[in-house]
């Protein structure tokens, strides 16, 4: 059974940084694409960043390019989201997700991911 467990969320002042780990277990992830999404109150879930497990290719949502960095540690089966220069509008529940696409592409929609973590709250105050 696949498990994705996020951590690292919390309360941070605007301009600060947080790193969110997502620990993955339950199957082989070599063919997976790992993604981070976020959902703010009253808003739709938004794609933040993704990384291919095998090649480490990264891709980002337009709203976080240059601000967030996604990475993975194959040895630890963990994906990280480094968030810098945080703003109040970054406040949301952040979710880790895993997908196993059949082709070589970079999925950015939540329907393209098969497994989800429980989410971790990030609150940025000014």
PDB file of N, CA and C in Angstrom:
ATOM      1  N   UNK A   1       0.842  -1.184   0.000  1.00  0.00           N
ATOM      2  CA  UNK A   1       0.000   0.000   0.000  1.00  0.00           C
ATOM      3  C   UNK A   1       0.882   1.239   0.000  1.00  0.00           C
ATOM      4  N   UNK A   2       0.622   2.120  -0.938  1.00  0.00           N
ATOM      5  CA  UNK A   2       1.432   3.328  -1.046  1.00  0.00           C
ATOM      6  C   UNK A   2       1.068   4.300   0.070  1.00  0.00           C
ATOM      7  N   UNK A   3       2.104   4.839   0.689  1.00  0.00           N
ATOM      8  CA  UNK A   3       1.899   5.871   1.709  1.00  0.00           C
ATOM      9  C   UNK A   3       2.780   7.066   1.386  1.00  0.00           C
ATOM     10  N   UNK A   4       2.180   8.239   1.462  1.00  0.00           N
ATOM     11  CA  UNK A   4       2.909   9.492   1.312  1.00  0.00           C
ATOM     12  C   UNK A   4       2.651  10.308   2.566  1.00  0.00           C
ATOM     13  N   UNK A   5       3.716  10.679   3.229  1.00  0.00           N
ATOM     14  CA  UNK A   5       3.567  11.394   4.498  1.00  0.00           C
ATOM     15  C   UNK A   5       4.324  12.709   4.415  1.00  0.00           C
ATOM     16  N   UNK A   6       3.559  13.809   4.449  1.00  0.00           N
ATOM     17  CA  UNK A   6       4.172  15.136   4.424  1.00  0.00           C
ATOM     18  C   UNK A   6       4.443  15.601   5.845  1.00  0.00           C
ATOM     19  N   UNK A   7       5.405  16.494   5.963  1.00  0.00           N
ATOM     20  CA  UNK A   7       5.693  17.135   7.243  1.00  0.00           C
ATOM     21  C   UNK A   7       6.332  18.484   6.949  1.00  0.00           C
ATOM     22  N   UNK A   8       6.666  19.215   8.018  1.00  0.00           N
ATOM     23  CA  UNK A   8       7.416  20.455   7.828  1.00  0.00           C
ATOM     24  C   UNK A   8       6.584  21.720   7.739  1.00  0.00           C
ATOM     25  N   UNK A   9       5.259  21.578   7.717  1.00  0.00           N
ATOM     26  CA  UNK A   9       4.422  22.767   7.660  1.00  0.00           C
ATOM     27  C   UNK A   9       4.449  23.521   8.976  1.00  0.00           C
ATOM     28  N   UNK A  10       3.883  24.718   8.948  1.00  0.00           N
ATOM     29  CA  UNK A  10       3.829  25.509  10.175  1.00  0.00           C
ATOM     30  C   UNK A  10       3.531  26.953   9.888  1.00  0.00           C
ATOM     31  N   UNK A  11       3.815  27.771  10.895  1.00  0.00           N
ATOM     32  CA  UNK A  11       3.567  29.206  10.838  1.00  0.00           C
ATOM     33  C   UNK A  11       4.894  29.907  10.571  1.00  0.00           C
ATOM     34  N   UNK A  12       4.921  30.782   9.568  1.00  0.00           N
ATOM     35  CA  UNK A  12       6.165  31.466   9.218  1.00  0.00           C
ATOM     36  C   UNK A  12       5.858  32.898   8.820  1.00  0.00           C
ATOM     37  N   UNK A  13       6.768  33.777   9.145  1.00  0.00           N
ATOM     38  CA  UNK A  13       6.601  35.179   8.788  1.00  0.00           C
ATOM     39  C   UNK A  13       6.914  35.383   7.303  1.00  0.00           C
ATOM     40  N   UNK A  14       6.248  36.344   6.703  1.00  0.00           N
ATOM     41  CA  UNK A  14       6.499  36.667   5.302  1.00  0.00           C
ATOM     42  C   UNK A  14       7.982  36.945   5.080  1.00  0.00           C
ATOM     43  N   UNK A  15       8.498  36.408   3.977  1.00  0.00           N
ATOM     44  CA  UNK A  15       9.915  36.522   3.681  1.00  0.00           C
ATOM     45  C   UNK A  15      10.731  35.342   4.157  1.00  0.00           C
ATOM     46  N   UNK A  16      10.133  34.514   4.991  1.00  0.00           N
ATOM     47  CA  UNK A  16      10.834  33.357   5.527  1.00  0.00           C
ATOM     48  C   UNK A  16      10.801  32.170   4.587  1.00  0.00           C
ATOM     49  N   UNK A  17      11.336  31.053   5.077  1.00  0.00           N
ATOM     50  CA  UNK A  17      11.454  29.834   4.288  1.00  0.00           C
ATOM     51  C   UNK A  17      10.957  28.634   5.073  1.00  0.00           C
ATOM     52  N   UNK A  18      10.514  27.640   4.348  1.00  0.00           N
ATOM     53  CA  UNK A  18      10.159  26.350   4.921  1.00  0.00           C
ATOM     54  C   UNK A  18      10.581  25.263   3.939  1.00  0.00           C
ATOM     55  N   UNK A  19      10.885  24.079   4.470  1.00  0.00           N
ATOM     56  CA  UNK A  19      11.126  22.923   3.612  1.00  0.00           C
ATOM     57  C   UNK A  19      10.165  21.823   4.005  1.00  0.00           C
ATOM     58  N   UNK A  20       9.451  21.331   3.027  1.00  0.00           N
ATOM     59  CA  UNK A  20       8.463  20.284   3.266  1.00  0.00           C
ATOM     60  C   UNK A  20       9.004  18.954   2.733  1.00  0.00           C
ATOM     61  N   UNK A  21       9.228  17.971   3.595  1.00  0.00           N
ATOM     62  CA  UNK A  21       9.560  16.631   3.118  1.00  0.00           C
ATOM     63  C   UNK A  21       8.297  15.814   2.877  1.00  0.00           C
ATOM     64  N   UNK A  22       8.383  14.888   1.948  1.00  0.00           N
ATOM     65  CA  UNK A  22       7.323  13.916   1.707  1.00  0.00           C
ATOM     66  C   UNK A  22       7.989  12.547   1.637  1.00  0.00           C
ATOM     67  N   UNK A  23       7.721  11.721   2.627  1.00  0.00           N
ATOM     68  CA  UNK A  23       8.286  10.380   2.673  1.00  0.00           C
ATOM     69  C   UNK A  23       7.361   9.401   1.968  1.00  0.00           C
ATOM     70  N   UNK A  24       7.901   8.655   1.004  1.00  0.00           N
ATOM     71  CA  UNK A  24       7.107   7.726   0.199  1.00  0.00           C
ATOM     72  C   UNK A  24       7.480   6.285   0.525  1.00  0.00           C
ATOM     73  N   UNK A  25       6.468   5.422   0.581  1.00  0.00           N
ATOM     74  CA  UNK A  25       6.715   4.011   0.846  1.00  0.00           C
ATOM     75  C   UNK A  25       5.620   3.175   0.224  1.00  0.00           C
ATOM     76  N   UNK A  26       5.857   1.880   0.135  1.00  0.00           N
ATOM     77  CA  UNK A  26       4.812   0.956  -0.284  1.00  0.00           C
ATOM     78  C   UNK A  26       4.970   0.359  -1.658  1.00  0.00           C
ATOM     79  N   UNK A  27       5.831   0.902  -2.483  1.00  0.00           N
ATOM     80  CA  UNK A  27       6.084   0.321  -3.797  1.00  0.00           C
ATOM     81  C   UNK A  27       7.336   0.958  -4.371  1.00  0.00           C
ATOM     82  N   UNK A  28       7.722   0.478  -5.534  1.00  0.00           N
ATOM     83  CA  UNK A  28       8.874   1.048  -6.214  1.00  0.00           C
ATOM     84  C   UNK A  28       8.462   2.332  -6.919  1.00  0.00           C
ATOM     85  N   UNK A  29       9.229   3.377  -6.708  1.00  0.00           N
ATOM     86  CA  UNK A  29       8.871   4.673  -7.263  1.00  0.00           C
ATOM     87  C   UNK A  29       9.735   5.065  -8.458  1.00  0.00           C
ATOM     88  N   UNK A  30      10.510   4.137  -8.980  1.00  0.00           N
ATOM     89  CA  UNK A  30      11.444   4.483 -10.047  1.00  0.00           C
ATOM     90  C   UNK A  30      10.751   5.041 -11.284  1.00  0.00           C
ATOM     91  N   UNK A  31       9.502   4.651 -11.526  1.00  0.00           N
ATOM     92  CA  UNK A  31       8.776   5.161 -12.693  1.00  0.00           C
ATOM     93  C   UNK A  31       7.792   6.274 -12.332  1.00  0.00           C
ATOM     94  N   UNK A  32       7.868   6.761 -11.116  1.00  0.00           N
ATOM     95  CA  UNK A  32       6.884   7.722 -10.634  1.00  0.00           C
ATOM     96  C   UNK A  32       7.254   9.157 -10.990  1.00  0.00           C
ATOM     97  N   UNK A  33       6.225   9.952 -11.052  1.00  0.00           N
ATOM     98  CA  UNK A  33       6.371  11.401 -11.032  1.00  0.00           C
ATOM     99  C   UNK A  33       5.796  11.860  -9.698  1.00  0.00           C
ATOM    100  N   UNK A  34       6.566  12.617  -8.958  1.00  0.00           N
ATOM    101  CA  UNK A  34       6.120  13.116  -7.657  1.00  0.00           C
ATOM    102  C   UNK A  34       5.748  14.583  -7.797  1.00  0.00           C
ATOM    103  N   UNK A  35       4.628  14.936  -7.210  1.00  0.00           N
ATOM    104  CA  UNK A  35       4.169  16.310  -7.331  1.00  0.00           C
ATOM    105  C   UNK A  35       3.805  16.931  -6.004  1.00  0.00           C
ATOM    106  N   UNK A  36       3.837  18.231  -5.969  1.00  0.00           N
ATOM    107  CA  UNK A  36       3.318  19.004  -4.841  1.00  0.00           C
ATOM    108  C   UNK A  36       2.178  19.879  -5.360  1.00  0.00           C
ATOM    109  N   UNK A  37       1.090  19.866  -4.607  1.00  0.00           N
ATOM    110  CA  UNK A  37      -0.058  20.713  -4.890  1.00  0.00           C
ATOM    111  C   UNK A  37      -0.369  21.507  -3.626  1.00  0.00           C
ATOM    112  N   UNK A  38      -1.175  22.537  -3.780  1.00  0.00           N
ATOM    113  CA  UNK A  38      -1.630  23.273  -2.603  1.00  0.00           C
ATOM    114  C   UNK A  38      -3.075  23.709  -2.807  1.00  0.00           C
ATOM    115  N   UNK A  39      -3.758  23.876  -1.689  1.00  0.00           N
ATOM    116  CA  UNK A  39      -5.143  24.324  -1.738  1.00  0.00           C
ATOM    117  C   UNK A  39      -5.388  25.325  -0.624  1.00  0.00           C
ATOM    118  N   UNK A  40      -5.738  26.522  -1.015  1.00  0.00           N
ATOM    119  CA  UNK A  40      -6.085  27.574  -0.066  1.00  0.00           C
ATOM    120  C   UNK A  40      -7.595  27.553   0.171  1.00  0.00           C
ATOM    121  N   UNK A  41      -8.053  28.071   1.291  1.00  0.00           N
ATOM    122  CA  UNK A  41      -9.490  28.072   1.578  1.00  0.00           C
ATOM    123  C   UNK A  41     -10.287  28.739   0.468  1.00  0.00           C
ATOM    124  N   UNK A  42     -11.321  28.049   0.012  1.00  0.00           N
ATOM    125  CA  UNK A  42     -12.190  28.610  -1.010  1.00  0.00           C
ATOM    126  C   UNK A  42     -11.638  28.579  -2.409  1.00  0.00           C
ATOM    127  N   UNK A  43     -10.465  27.964  -2.585  1.00  0.00           N
ATOM    128  CA  UNK A  43      -9.849  27.926  -3.912  1.00  0.00           C
ATOM    129  C   UNK A  43      -9.656  26.485  -4.370  1.00  0.00           C
ATOM    130  N   UNK A  44      -9.465  26.314  -5.659  1.00  0.00           N
ATOM    131  CA  UNK A  44      -9.200  24.996  -6.206  1.00  0.00           C
ATOM    132  C   UNK A  44      -7.769  24.579  -5.891  1.00  0.00           C
ATOM    133  N   UNK A  45      -7.562  23.263  -5.924  1.00  0.00           N
ATOM    134  CA  UNK A  45      -6.211  22.752  -5.702  1.00  0.00           C
ATOM    135  C   UNK A  45      -5.336  23.177  -6.880  1.00  0.00           C
ATOM    136  N   UNK A  46      -4.137  23.616  -6.556  1.00  0.00           N
ATOM    137  CA  UNK A  46      -3.227  24.211  -7.547  1.00  0.00           C
ATOM    138  C   UNK A  46      -1.935  23.407  -7.627  1.00  0.00           C
ATOM    139  N   UNK A  47      -1.488  23.137  -8.843  1.00  0.00           N
ATOM    140  CA  UNK A  47      -0.206  22.466  -9.034  1.00  0.00           C
ATOM    141  C   UNK A  47       0.923  23.408  -8.652  1.00  0.00           C
ATOM    142  N   UNK A  48       1.887  22.888  -7.891  1.00  0.00           N
ATOM    143  CA  UNK A  48       3.025  23.689  -7.445  1.00  0.00           C
ATOM    144  C   UNK A  48       4.308  23.265  -8.151  1.00  0.00           C
ATOM    145  N   UNK A  49       4.636  21.980  -8.061  1.00  0.00           N
ATOM    146  CA  UNK A  49       5.900  21.519  -8.621  1.00  0.00           C
ATOM    147  C   UNK A  49       5.871  20.010  -8.796  1.00  0.00           C
ATOM    148  N   UNK A  50       6.699  19.505  -9.713  1.00  0.00           N
ATOM    149  CA  UNK A  50       6.802  18.070  -9.917  1.00  0.00           C
ATOM    150  C   UNK A  50       8.232  17.680 -10.243  1.00  0.00           C
ATOM    151  N   UNK A  51       8.531  16.401 -10.014  1.00  0.00           N
ATOM    152  CA  UNK A  51       9.857  15.874 -10.312  1.00  0.00           C
ATOM    153  C   UNK A  51       9.708  14.422 -10.727  1.00  0.00           C
ATOM    154  N   UNK A  52      10.443  14.036 -11.776  1.00  0.00           N
ATOM    155  CA  UNK A  52      10.446  12.630 -12.180  1.00  0.00           C
ATOM    156  C   UNK A  52      11.433  11.890 -11.294  1.00  0.00           C
ATOM    157  N   UNK A  53      10.989  10.758 -10.764  1.00  0.00           N
ATOM    158  CA  UNK A  53      11.812  10.070  -9.774  1.00  0.00           C
ATOM    159  C   UNK A  53      13.127   9.589 -10.382  1.00  0.00           C
ATOM    160  N   UNK A  54      13.095   9.043 -11.570  1.00  0.00           N
ATOM    161  CA  UNK A  54      14.300   8.445 -12.135  1.00  0.00           C
ATOM    162  C   UNK A  54      15.277   9.491 -12.657  1.00  0.00           C
ATOM    163  N   UNK A  55      14.809  10.440 -13.433  1.00  0.00           N
ATOM    164  CA  UNK A  55      15.716  11.392 -14.051  1.00  0.00           C
ATOM    165  C   UNK A  55      15.898  12.682 -13.297  1.00  0.00           C
ATOM    166  N   UNK A  56      15.020  12.916 -12.321  1.00  0.00           N
ATOM    167  CA  UNK A  56      15.134  14.155 -11.565  1.00  0.00           C
ATOM    168  C   UNK A  56      14.756  15.388 -12.356  1.00  0.00           C
ATOM    169  N   UNK A  57      13.986  15.217 -13.433  1.00  0.00           N
ATOM    170  CA  UNK A  57      13.528  16.375 -14.191  1.00  0.00           C
ATOM    171  C   UNK A  57      12.464  17.118 -13.400  1.00  0.00           C
ATOM    172  N   UNK A  58      12.593  18.433 -13.324  1.00  0.00           N
ATOM    173  CA  UNK A  58      11.689  19.219 -12.497  1.00  0.00           C
ATOM    174  C   UNK A  58      10.845  20.144 -13.357  1.00  0.00           C
ATOM    175  N   UNK A  59       9.670  20.452 -12.858  1.00  0.00           N
ATOM    176  CA  UNK A  59       8.780  21.392 -13.538  1.00  0.00           C
ATOM    177  C   UNK A  59       7.916  22.064 -12.483  1.00  0.00           C
ATOM    178  N   UNK A  60       7.499  23.306 -12.778  1.00  0.00           N
ATOM    179  CA  UNK A  60       6.859  24.140 -11.779  1.00  0.00           C
ATOM    180  C   UNK A  60       5.592  24.803 -12.296  1.00  0.00           C
ATOM    181  N   UNK A  61       4.702  25.096 -11.355  1.00  0.00           N
ATOM    182  CA  UNK A  61       3.578  25.950 -11.670  1.00  0.00           C
ATOM    183  C   UNK A  61       4.065  27.384 -11.842  1.00  0.00           C
ATOM    184  N   UNK A  62       3.366  28.146 -12.654  1.00  0.00           N
ATOM    185  CA  UNK A  62       3.836  29.504 -12.969  1.00  0.00           C
ATOM    186  C   UNK A  62       3.924  30.401 -11.734  1.00  0.00           C
ATOM    187  N   UNK A  63       3.056  30.180 -10.769  1.00  0.00           N
ATOM    188  CA  UNK A  63       3.006  31.077  -9.612  1.00  0.00           C
ATOM    189  C   UNK A  63       4.189  30.907  -8.665  1.00  0.00           C
ATOM    190  N   UNK A  64       4.958  29.832  -8.792  1.00  0.00           N
ATOM    191  CA  UNK A  64       6.052  29.595  -7.837  1.00  0.00           C
ATOM    192  C   UNK A  64       7.413  29.501  -8.497  1.00  0.00           C
ATOM    193  N   UNK A  65       7.479  29.684  -9.794  1.00  0.00           N
ATOM    194  CA  UNK A  65       8.764  29.590 -10.481  1.00  0.00           C
ATOM    195  C   UNK A  65       9.738  30.608  -9.913  1.00  0.00           C
ATOM    196  N   UNK A  66      10.935  30.140  -9.605  1.00  0.00           N
ATOM    197  CA  UNK A  66      11.953  31.008  -9.045  1.00  0.00           C
ATOM    198  C   UNK A  66      11.848  31.197  -7.543  1.00  0.00           C
ATOM    199  N   UNK A  67      10.758  30.728  -6.948  1.00  0.00           N
ATOM    200  CA  UNK A  67      10.552  30.886  -5.514  1.00  0.00           C
ATOM    201  C   UNK A  67      10.652  29.548  -4.779  1.00  0.00           C
ATOM    202  N   UNK A  68      10.114  28.486  -5.375  1.00  0.00           N
ATOM    203  CA  UNK A  68      10.124  27.155  -4.779  1.00  0.00           C
ATOM    204  C   UNK A  68      11.060  26.245  -5.572  1.00  0.00           C
ATOM    205  N   UNK A  69      11.612  25.254  -4.877  1.00  0.00           N
ATOM    206  CA  UNK A  69      12.466  24.263  -5.515  1.00  0.00           C
ATOM    207  C   UNK A  69      12.055  22.879  -5.060  1.00  0.00           C
ATOM    208  N   UNK A  70      11.849  21.978  -6.018  1.00  0.00           N
ATOM    209  CA  UNK A  70      11.526  20.598  -5.689  1.00  0.00           C
ATOM    210  C   UNK A  70      12.759  19.739  -5.921  1.00  0.00           C
ATOM    211  N   UNK A  71      12.944  18.740  -5.072  1.00  0.00           N
ATOM    212  CA  UNK A  71      14.069  17.827  -5.238  1.00  0.00           C
ATOM    213  C   UNK A  71      13.681  16.485  -4.650  1.00  0.00           C
ATOM    214  N   UNK A  72      14.503  15.469  -4.945  1.00  0.00           N
ATOM    215  CA  UNK A  72      14.222  14.157  -4.349  1.00  0.00           C
ATOM    216  C   UNK A  72      15.511  13.497  -3.935  1.00  0.00           C
ATOM    217  N   UNK A  73      15.395  12.658  -2.922  1.00  0.00           N
ATOM    218  CA  UNK A  73      16.504  11.859  -2.421  1.00  0.00           C
ATOM    219  C   UNK A  73      16.106  10.403  -2.603  1.00  0.00           C
ATOM    220  N   UNK A  74      16.647   9.767  -3.624  1.00  0.00           N
ATOM    221  CA  UNK A  74      16.251   8.386  -3.926  1.00  0.00           C
ATOM    222  C   UNK A  74      16.578   7.428  -2.782  1.00  0.00           C
ATOM    223  N   UNK A  75      17.694   7.653  -2.140  1.00  0.00           N
ATOM    224  CA  UNK A  75      18.100   6.758  -1.061  1.00  0.00           C
ATOM    225  C   UNK A  75      17.147   6.790   0.124  1.00  0.00           C
ATOM    226  N   UNK A  76      16.542   7.952   0.346  1.00  0.00           N
ATOM    227  CA  UNK A  76      15.620   8.106   1.472  1.00  0.00           C
ATOM    228  C   UNK A  76      14.154   7.999   1.030  1.00  0.00           C
ATOM    229  N   UNK A  77      13.917   7.800  -0.267  1.00  0.00           N
ATOM    230  CA  UNK A  77      12.548   7.762  -0.786  1.00  0.00           C
ATOM    231  C   UNK A  77      11.754   8.996  -0.346  1.00  0.00           C
ATOM    232  N   UNK A  78      12.376  10.141  -0.447  1.00  0.00           N
ATOM    233  CA  UNK A  78      11.765  11.372   0.043  1.00  0.00           C
ATOM    234  C   UNK A  78      11.870  12.466  -1.013  1.00  0.00           C
ATOM    235  N   UNK A  79      10.791  13.213  -1.135  1.00  0.00           N
ATOM    236  CA  UNK A  79      10.742  14.373  -2.016  1.00  0.00           C
ATOM    237  C   UNK A  79      10.639  15.618  -1.145  1.00  0.00           C
ATOM    238  N   UNK A  80      11.299  16.671  -1.559  1.00  0.00           N
ATOM    239  CA  UNK A  80      11.317  17.904  -0.768  1.00  0.00           C
ATOM    240  C   UNK A  80      10.761  19.073  -1.588  1.00  0.00           C
ATOM    241  N   UNK A  81      10.110  19.972  -0.883  1.00  0.00           N
ATOM    242  CA  UNK A  81       9.707  21.237  -1.482  1.00  0.00           C
ATOM    243  C   UNK A  81      10.326  22.350  -0.635  1.00  0.00           C
ATOM    244  N   UNK A  82      11.314  23.016  -1.196  1.00  0.00           N
ATOM    245  CA  UNK A  82      11.944  24.153  -0.525  1.00  0.00           C
ATOM    246  C   UNK A  82      11.209  25.413  -0.943  1.00  0.00           C
ATOM    247  N   UNK A  83      10.684  26.128   0.037  1.00  0.00           N
ATOM    248  CA  UNK A  83       9.888  27.325  -0.239  1.00  0.00           C
ATOM    249  C   UNK A  83      10.592  28.536   0.356  1.00  0.00           C
ATOM    250  N   UNK A  84      10.947  29.477  -0.486  1.00  0.00           N
ATOM    251  CA  UNK A  84      11.654  30.683  -0.059  1.00  0.00           C
ATOM    252  C   UNK A  84      10.810  31.925  -0.317  1.00  0.00           C
ATOM    253  N   UNK A  85      11.202  33.002   0.337  1.00  0.00           N
ATOM    254  CA  UNK A  85      10.522  34.299   0.149  1.00  0.00           C
ATOM    255  C   UNK A  85       9.009  34.146   0.249  1.00  0.00           C
ATOM    256  N   UNK A  86       8.583  33.477   1.288  1.00  0.00           N
ATOM    257  CA  UNK A  86       7.160  33.169   1.416  1.00  0.00           C
ATOM    258  C   UNK A  86       6.317  34.423   1.588  1.00  0.00           C
ATOM    259  N   UNK A  87       5.122  34.371   1.029  1.00  0.00           N
ATOM    260  CA  UNK A  87       4.172  35.478   1.053  1.00  0.00           C
ATOM    261  C   UNK A  87       2.861  34.981   1.660  1.00  0.00           C
ATOM    262  N   UNK A  88       2.060  35.884   2.194  1.00  0.00           N
ATOM    263  CA  UNK A  88       0.772  35.447   2.759  1.00  0.00           C
ATOM    264  C   UNK A  88      -0.075  34.662   1.761  1.00  0.00           C
ATOM    265  N   UNK A  89       0.037  34.968   0.483  1.00  0.00           N
ATOM    266  CA  UNK A  89      -0.759  34.241  -0.517  1.00  0.00           C
ATOM    267  C   UNK A  89      -0.264  32.815  -0.742  1.00  0.00           C
ATOM    268  N   UNK A  90       0.863  32.445  -0.155  1.00  0.00           N
ATOM    269  CA  UNK A  90       1.325  31.056  -0.199  1.00  0.00           C
ATOM    270  C   UNK A  90       0.649  30.200   0.876  1.00  0.00           C
ATOM    271  N   UNK A  91      -0.138  30.823   1.729  1.00  0.00           N
ATOM    272  CA  UNK A  91      -0.849  30.087   2.769  1.00  0.00           C
ATOM    273  C   UNK A  91      -1.814  29.091   2.143  1.00  0.00           C
ATOM    274  N   UNK A  92      -1.674  27.824   2.545  1.00  0.00           N
ATOM    275  CA  UNK A  92      -2.494  26.755   1.976  1.00  0.00           C
ATOM    276  C   UNK A  92      -2.156  25.453   2.678  1.00  0.00           C
ATOM    277  N   UNK A  93      -2.951  24.437   2.400  1.00  0.00           N
ATOM    278  CA  UNK A  93      -2.570  23.071   2.740  1.00  0.00           C
ATOM    279  C   UNK A  93      -1.784  22.532   1.553  1.00  0.00           C
ATOM    280  N   UNK A  94      -0.611  22.000   1.831  1.00  0.00           N
ATOM    281  CA  UNK A  94       0.264  21.488   0.791  1.00  0.00           C
ATOM    282  C   UNK A  94       0.194  19.958   0.787  1.00  0.00           C
ATOM    283  N   UNK A  95      -0.013  19.408  -0.404  1.00  0.00           N
ATOM    284  CA  UNK A  95      -0.166  17.970  -0.570  1.00  0.00           C
ATOM    285  C   UNK A  95       0.934  17.414  -1.460  1.00  0.00           C
ATOM    286  N   UNK A  96       1.419  16.251  -1.075  1.00  0.00           N
ATOM    287  CA  UNK A  96       2.346  15.484  -1.890  1.00  0.00           C
ATOM    288  C   UNK A  96       1.539  14.440  -2.650  1.00  0.00           C
ATOM    289  N   UNK A  97       1.931  14.165  -3.891  1.00  0.00           N
ATOM    290  CA  UNK A  97       1.209  13.201  -4.711  1.00  0.00           C
ATOM    291  C   UNK A  97       2.178  12.400  -5.564  1.00  0.00           C
ATOM    292  N   UNK A  98       1.756  11.191  -5.920  1.00  0.00           N
ATOM    293  CA  UNK A  98       2.560  10.321  -6.780  1.00  0.00           C
ATOM    294  C   UNK A  98       1.719   9.841  -7.947  1.00  0.00           C
ATOM    295  N   UNK A  99       2.284   9.926  -9.130  1.00  0.00           N
ATOM    296  CA  UNK A  99       1.612   9.433 -10.322  1.00  0.00           C
ATOM    297  C   UNK A  99       2.545   8.529 -11.102  1.00  0.00           C
ATOM    298  N   UNK A 100       1.955   7.674 -11.918  1.00  0.00           N
ATOM    299  CA  UNK A 100       2.740   6.736 -12.713  1.00  0.00           C
ATOM    300  C   UNK A 100       2.301   6.841 -14.168  1.00  0.00           C
ATOM    301  N   UNK A 101       2.693   7.929 -14.821  1.00  0.00           N
ATOM    302  CA  UNK A 101       2.243   8.148 -16.205  1.00  0.00           C
ATOM    303  C   UNK A 101       2.834   7.138 -17.167  1.00  0.00           C
ATOM    304  N   UNK A 102       2.063   6.822 -18.203  1.00  0.00           N
ATOM    305  CA  UNK A 102       2.521   5.831 -19.170  1.00  0.00           C
ATOM    306  C   UNK A 102       3.482   6.429 -20.186  1.00  0.00           C
ATOM    307  N   UNK A 103       3.413   7.732 -20.360  1.00  0.00           N
ATOM    308  CA  UNK A 103       4.300   8.358 -21.325  1.00  0.00           C
ATOM    309  C   UNK A 103       5.335   9.232 -20.645  1.00  0.00           C
ATOM    310  N   UNK A 104       6.147   9.873 -21.429  1.00  0.00           N
ATOM    311  CA  UNK A 104       7.165  10.768 -20.889  1.00  0.00           C
ATOM    312  C   UNK A 104       6.639  12.197 -20.969  1.00  0.00           C
ATOM    313  N   UNK A 105       6.037  12.635 -19.879  1.00  0.00           N
ATOM    314  CA  UNK A 105       5.515  13.997 -19.840  1.00  0.00           C
ATOM    315  C   UNK A 105       5.498  14.450 -18.391  1.00  0.00           C
ATOM    316  N   UNK A 106       5.054  15.649 -18.207  1.00  0.00           N
ATOM    317  CA  UNK A 106       5.109  16.257 -16.889  1.00  0.00           C
ATOM    318  C   UNK A 106       3.701  16.645 -16.444  1.00  0.00           C
ATOM    319  N   UNK A 107       3.044  15.750 -15.707  1.00  0.00           N
ATOM    320  CA  UNK A 107       1.653  15.993 -15.327  1.00  0.00           C
ATOM    321  C   UNK A 107       1.511  17.129 -14.329  1.00  0.00           C
ATOM    322  N   UNK A 108       0.544  18.004 -14.583  1.00  0.00           N
ATOM    323  CA  UNK A 108       0.330  19.162 -13.719  1.00  0.00           C
ATOM    324  C   UNK A 108      -1.124  19.283 -13.274  1.00  0.00           C
ATOM    325  N   UNK A 109      -1.898  18.218 -13.479  1.00  0.00           N
ATOM    326  CA  UNK A 109      -3.288  18.243 -13.033  1.00  0.00           C
ATOM    327  C   UNK A 109      -3.482  17.164 -11.991  1.00  0.00           C
ATOM    328  N   UNK A 110      -4.305  17.451 -10.983  1.00  0.00           N
ATOM    329  CA  UNK A 110      -4.420  16.497  -9.874  1.00  0.00           C
ATOM    330  C   UNK A 110      -5.017  15.163 -10.330  1.00  0.00           C
ATOM    331  N   UNK A 111      -5.790  15.155 -11.409  1.00  0.00           N
ATOM    332  CA  UNK A 111      -6.367  13.894 -11.891  1.00  0.00           C
ATOM    333  C   UNK A 111      -5.316  12.942 -12.453  1.00  0.00           C
ATOM    334  N   UNK A 112      -4.127  13.442 -12.703  1.00  0.00           N
ATOM    335  CA  UNK A 112      -3.058  12.619 -13.267  1.00  0.00           C
ATOM    336  C   UNK A 112      -2.211  11.951 -12.184  1.00  0.00           C
ATOM    337  N   UNK A 113      -2.564  12.166 -10.937  1.00  0.00           N
ATOM    338  CA  UNK A 113      -1.830  11.573  -9.825  1.00  0.00           C
ATOM    339  C   UNK A 113      -2.710  10.544  -9.122  1.00  0.00           C
ATOM    340  N   UNK A 114      -2.076   9.452  -8.695  1.00  0.00           N
ATOM    341  CA  UNK A 114      -2.817   8.307  -8.176  1.00  0.00           C
ATOM    342  C   UNK A 114      -2.855   8.233  -6.651  1.00  0.00           C
ATOM    343  N   UNK A 115      -1.849   8.752  -6.005  1.00  0.00           N
ATOM    344  CA  UNK A 115      -1.751   8.633  -4.551  1.00  0.00           C
ATOM    345  C   UNK A 115      -1.476  10.012  -3.950  1.00  0.00           C
ATOM    346  N   UNK A 116      -2.044  10.202  -2.757  1.00  0.00           N
ATOM    347  CA  UNK A 116      -1.957  11.505  -2.100  1.00  0.00           C
ATOM    348  C   UNK A 116      -1.616  11.357  -0.628  1.00  0.00           C
ATOM    349  N   UNK A 117      -0.881  12.334  -0.125  1.00  0.00           N
ATOM    350  CA  UNK A 117      -0.655  12.414   1.306  1.00  0.00           C
ATOM    351  C   UNK A 117      -1.813  13.128   1.982  1.00  0.00           C
ATOM    352  N   UNK A 118      -1.709  13.260   3.292  1.00  0.00           N
ATOM    353  CA  UNK A 118      -2.791  13.848   4.065  1.00  0.00           C
ATOM    354  C   UNK A 118      -2.740  15.371   4.075  1.00  0.00           C
ATOM    355  N   UNK A 119      -1.626  15.936   3.654  1.00  0.00           N
ATOM    356  CA  UNK A 119      -1.487  17.382   3.600  1.00  0.00           C
ATOM    357  C   UNK A 119      -0.836  17.957   4.845  1.00  0.00           C
ATOM    358  N   UNK A 120      -0.186  19.087   4.667  1.00  0.00           N
ATOM    359  CA  UNK A 120       0.423  19.806   5.783  1.00  0.00           C
ATOM    360  C   UNK A 120       0.134  21.291   5.608  1.00  0.00           C
ATOM    361  N   UNK A 121      -0.273  21.924   6.704  1.00  0.00           N
ATOM    362  CA  UNK A 121      -0.691  23.323   6.648  1.00  0.00           C
ATOM    363  C   UNK A 121       0.520  24.248   6.683  1.00  0.00           C
ATOM    364  N   UNK A 122       0.526  25.209   5.766  1.00  0.00           N
ATOM    365  CA  UNK A 122       1.523  26.271   5.777  1.00  0.00           C
ATOM    366  C   UNK A 122       0.776  27.593   5.895  1.00  0.00           C
ATOM    367  N   UNK A 123       1.127  28.360   6.915  1.00  0.00           N
ATOM    368  CA  UNK A 123       0.497  29.658   7.141  1.00  0.00           C
ATOM    369  C   UNK A 123       1.576  30.722   7.177  1.00  0.00           C
ATOM    370  N   UNK A 124       1.450  31.714   6.301  1.00  0.00           N
ATOM    371  CA  UNK A 124       2.418  32.796   6.212  1.00  0.00           C
ATOM    372  C   UNK A 124       1.747  34.087   6.683  1.00  0.00           C
ATOM    373  N   UNK A 125       2.314  34.722   7.693  1.00  0.00           N
ATOM    374  CA  UNK A 125       1.731  35.946   8.224  1.00  0.00           C
ATOM    375  C   UNK A 125       2.651  37.127   7.932  1.00  0.00           C
ATOM    376  N   UNK A 126       2.035  38.284   7.796  1.00  0.00           N
ATOM    377  CA  UNK A 126       2.807  39.503   7.475  1.00  0.00           C
ATOM    378  C   UNK A 126       3.044  40.338   8.709  1.00  0.00           C
TER     379      UNK A 126
END
